[in-house]
C-alpha atoms as a PDB file:
ATOM      1  CA  MET A   1     -43.640  32.140  -1.588  1.00  0.00           C
ATOM      2  CA  ASN A   2     -46.220  31.602  -4.505  1.00  0.00           C
ATOM      3  CA  VAL A   3     -47.755  27.776  -2.786  1.00  0.00           C
ATOM      4  CA  LYS A   4     -49.957  26.017  -6.177  1.00  0.00           C
ATOM      5  CA  ASN A   5     -50.751  23.003  -3.580  1.00  0.00           C
ATOM      6  CA  LEU A   6     -53.256  21.865  -1.988  1.00  0.00           C
ATOM      7  CA  PHE A   7     -53.517  19.657   0.874  1.00  0.00           C
ATOM      8  CA  VAL A   8     -56.869  17.174   1.226  1.00  0.00           C
ATOM      9  CA  TYR A   9     -58.748  15.112   3.370  1.00  0.00           C
ATOM     10  CA  GLY A  10     -62.129  14.818   3.232  1.00  0.00           C
ATOM     11  CA  SER A  11     -64.507  14.589  -0.380  1.00  0.00           C
ATOM     12  CA  LEU A  12     -61.292  16.013  -2.477  1.00  0.00           C
ATOM     13  CA  LEU A  13     -59.575  12.801  -2.317  1.00  0.00           C
ATOM     14  CA  ASP A  14     -62.400  11.687  -4.761  1.00  0.00           C
ATOM     15  CA  GLU A  15     -60.612  12.037  -8.140  1.00  0.00           C
ATOM     16  CA  LYS A  16     -63.907  12.240  -9.601  1.00  0.00           C
ATOM     17  CA  THR A  17     -65.440  14.579  -7.517  1.00  0.00           C
ATOM     18  CA  PHE A  18     -62.464  16.904  -7.324  1.00  0.00           C
ATOM     19  CA  GLU A  19     -62.631  16.476 -11.640  1.00  0.00           C
ATOM     20  CA  GLU A  20     -66.316  17.368 -11.266  1.00  0.00           C
ATOM     21  CA  ILE A  21     -65.678  20.372  -9.207  1.00  0.00           C
ATOM     22  CA  THR A  22     -62.800  22.046 -10.968  1.00  0.00           C
ATOM     23  CA  GLY A  23     -63.335  20.366 -14.807  1.00  0.00           C
ATOM     24  CA  LEU A  24     -59.592  18.901 -14.070  1.00  0.00           C
ATOM     25  CA  ARG A  25     -58.074  15.271 -14.178  1.00  0.00           C
ATOM     26  CA  LEU A  26     -55.535  15.213 -10.925  1.00  0.00           C
ATOM     27  CA  GLN A  27     -52.137  14.367 -12.310  1.00  0.00           C
ATOM     28  CA  ARG A  28     -49.663  14.868  -9.090  1.00  0.00           C
ATOM     29  CA  ARG A  29     -50.966  13.422  -5.859  1.00  0.00           C
ATOM     30  CA  LYS A  30     -48.606  12.298  -3.266  1.00  0.00           C
ATOM     31  CA  LYS A  31     -50.352  11.038   0.773  1.00  0.00           C
ATOM     32  CA  ALA A  32     -49.597  13.226   3.167  1.00  0.00           C
ATOM     33  CA  ILE A  33     -49.664  13.683   6.752  1.00  0.00           C
ATOM     34  CA  LEU A  34     -50.888  16.613   8.893  1.00  0.00           C
ATOM     35  CA  LYS A  35     -49.705  17.463  12.368  1.00  0.00           C
ATOM     36  CA  GLY A  36     -51.139  19.641  14.694  1.00  0.00           C
ATOM     37  CA  TYR A  37     -54.543  19.085  13.411  1.00  0.00           C
ATOM     38  CA  ALA A  38     -57.627  17.778  14.260  1.00  0.00           C
ATOM     39  CA  PHE A  39     -60.783  16.550  12.977  1.00  0.00           C
ATOM     40  CA  THR A  40     -64.632  17.977  14.378  1.00  0.00           C
ATOM     41  CA  SER A  41     -68.028  16.835  14.095  1.00  0.00           C
ATOM     42  CA  PRO A  42     -69.353  18.057  10.782  1.00  0.00           C
ATOM     43  CA  LYS A  43     -71.889  20.669  11.085  1.00  0.00           C
ATOM     44  CA  PHE A  44     -72.811  20.654   7.263  1.00  0.00           C
ATOM     45  CA  GLY A  45     -72.139  17.405   6.680  1.00  0.00           C
ATOM     46  CA  HIS A  46     -69.050  17.739   5.495  1.00  0.00           C
ATOM     47  CA  PRO A  47     -65.838  16.693   7.298  1.00  0.00           C
ATOM     48  CA  VAL A  48     -63.847  19.593   9.438  1.00  0.00           C
ATOM     49  CA  ILE A  49     -60.672  20.189  10.550  1.00  0.00           C
ATOM     50  CA  HIS A  50     -59.850  22.820  13.133  1.00  0.00           C
ATOM     51  CA  PRO A  51     -56.081  23.637  14.489  1.00  0.00           C
ATOM     52  CA  ASP A  52     -54.990  20.764  17.749  1.00  0.00           C
ATOM     53  CA  ASP A  53     -51.511  20.557  19.140  1.00  0.00           C
ATOM     54  CA  SER A  54     -52.125  16.940  19.828  1.00  0.00           C
ATOM     55  CA  GLY A  55     -53.807  15.732  16.457  1.00  0.00           C
ATOM     56  CA  GLU A  56     -52.719  14.876  13.249  1.00  0.00           C
ATOM     57  CA  ILE A  57     -54.891  13.874   9.556  1.00  0.00           C
ATOM     58  CA  GLU A  58     -53.776  12.023   6.804  1.00  0.00           C
ATOM     59  CA  GLY A  59     -55.103  12.732   3.289  1.00  0.00           C
ATOM     60  CA  GLU A  60     -52.791  14.130   0.381  1.00  0.00           C
ATOM     61  CA  ILE A  61     -51.478  16.743  -1.399  1.00  0.00           C
ATOM     62  CA  ILE A  62     -52.393  17.726  -4.884  1.00  0.00           C
ATOM     63  CA  PHE A  63     -49.846  19.648  -6.244  1.00  0.00           C
ATOM     64  CA  GLY A  64     -49.239  22.382  -9.761  1.00  0.00           C
ATOM     65  CA  LEU A  65     -53.483  24.424  -8.850  1.00  0.00           C
ATOM     66  CA  ASP A  66     -53.619  27.385 -10.969  1.00  0.00           C
ATOM     67  CA  ASP A  67     -55.292  30.338  -9.056  1.00  0.00           C
ATOM     68  CA  LYS A  68     -58.251  30.130 -11.240  1.00  0.00           C
ATOM     69  CA  THR A  69     -58.773  26.534  -9.654  1.00  0.00           C
ATOM     70  CA  PHE A  70     -58.038  28.596  -6.137  1.00  0.00           C
ATOM     71  CA  MET A  71     -60.860  30.346  -6.815  1.00  0.00           C
ATOM     72  CA  ILE A  72     -63.401  27.390  -7.978  1.00  0.00           C
ATOM     73  CA  LEU A  73     -62.446  24.947  -4.477  1.00  0.00           C
ATOM     74  CA  ASP A  74     -62.659  28.092  -2.772  1.00  0.00           C
ATOM     75  CA  ASP A  75     -66.300  28.758  -3.754  1.00  0.00           C
ATOM     76  CA  TYR A  76     -66.900  25.020  -3.265  1.00  0.00           C
ATOM     77  CA  GLU A  77     -65.781  25.097   0.086  1.00  0.00           C
ATOM     78  CA  ASP A  78     -67.634  28.498   0.618  1.00  0.00           C
ATOM     79  CA  GLU A  79     -64.050  30.140   1.948  1.00  0.00           C
ATOM     80  CA  GLY A  80     -64.952  33.288   4.151  1.00  0.00           C
ATOM     81  CA  GLU A  81     -68.108  31.373   5.051  1.00  0.00           C
ATOM     82  CA  LEU A  82     -67.567  27.258   6.821  1.00  0.00           C
ATOM     83  CA  TYR A  83     -63.787  26.934   5.991  1.00  0.00           C
ATOM     84  CA  LYS A  84     -60.412  29.162   5.678  1.00  0.00           C
ATOM     85  CA  ARG A  85     -58.094  28.342   3.279  1.00  0.00           C
ATOM     86  CA  LYS A  86     -54.171  28.901   4.990  1.00  0.00           C
ATOM     87  CA  ILE A  87     -51.019  27.674   4.595  1.00  0.00           C
ATOM     88  CA  VAL A  88     -49.566  25.032   6.010  1.00  0.00           C
ATOM     89  CA  THR A  89     -46.805  21.918   6.689  1.00  0.00           C
ATOM     90  CA  VAL A  90     -47.372  18.790   5.740  1.00  0.00           C
ATOM     91  CA  LYS A  91     -45.225  15.722   5.682  1.00  0.00           C
ATOM     92  CA  SER A  92     -44.697  13.238   2.751  1.00  0.00           C
ATOM     93  CA  ALA A  93     -42.574  10.864   1.797  1.00  0.00           C
ATOM     94  CA  GLY A  94     -39.801  12.716   4.980  1.00  0.00           C
ATOM     95  CA  GLU A  95     -40.217  15.901   3.311  1.00  0.00           C
ATOM     96  CA  GLU A  96     -42.222  18.904   4.614  1.00  0.00           C
ATOM     97  CA  VAL A  97     -44.171  20.495   1.939  1.00  0.00           C
ATOM     98  CA  LYS A  98     -45.765  23.931   2.029  1.00  0.00           C
ATOM     99  CA  THR A  99     -49.518  23.314   0.574  1.00  0.00           C
ATOM    100  CA  PHE A 100     -52.751  25.006   1.170  1.00  0.00           C
ATOM    101  CA  VAL A 101     -55.333  23.343   3.545  1.00  0.00           C
ATOM    102  CA  TYR A 102     -59.612  24.721   3.865  1.00  0.00           C
ATOM    103  CA  GLU A 103     -59.599  24.388   7.526  1.00  0.00           C
ATOM    104  CA  GLU A 104     -62.344  25.642  10.071  1.00  0.00           C
ATOM    105  CA  LEU A 105     -64.073  28.760   9.985  1.00  0.00           C
ATOM    106  CA  GLU A 106     -63.468  29.534  13.887  1.00  0.00           C
ATOM    107  CA  GLU A 107     -67.416  31.667  14.611  1.00  0.00           C
ATOM    108  CA  ASP A 108     -66.708  34.988  16.505  1.00  0.00           C
END
């Protein structure tokens, strides 16, 4: 599966922030809900989510991102150090959509 969407719930919800980081003006965004996750107290000043069966996070899907943009976002999110990027299913307008999300990287 070639996922090109990203579910955002924190600083990347802000279009200006997203544009400053990626150089892209957002074209397609849609409100969505990610079930099975909850916010964690931020350890480093940014919103953090983790799996939680009873939780749900409101955010937005950004559609149609390319690999270069995901590389930029991985760097911004410290993917592999603070966050991990994984595929999840979110609900938007009654439909299920596969998307990436950045979640808290579990400590060993």
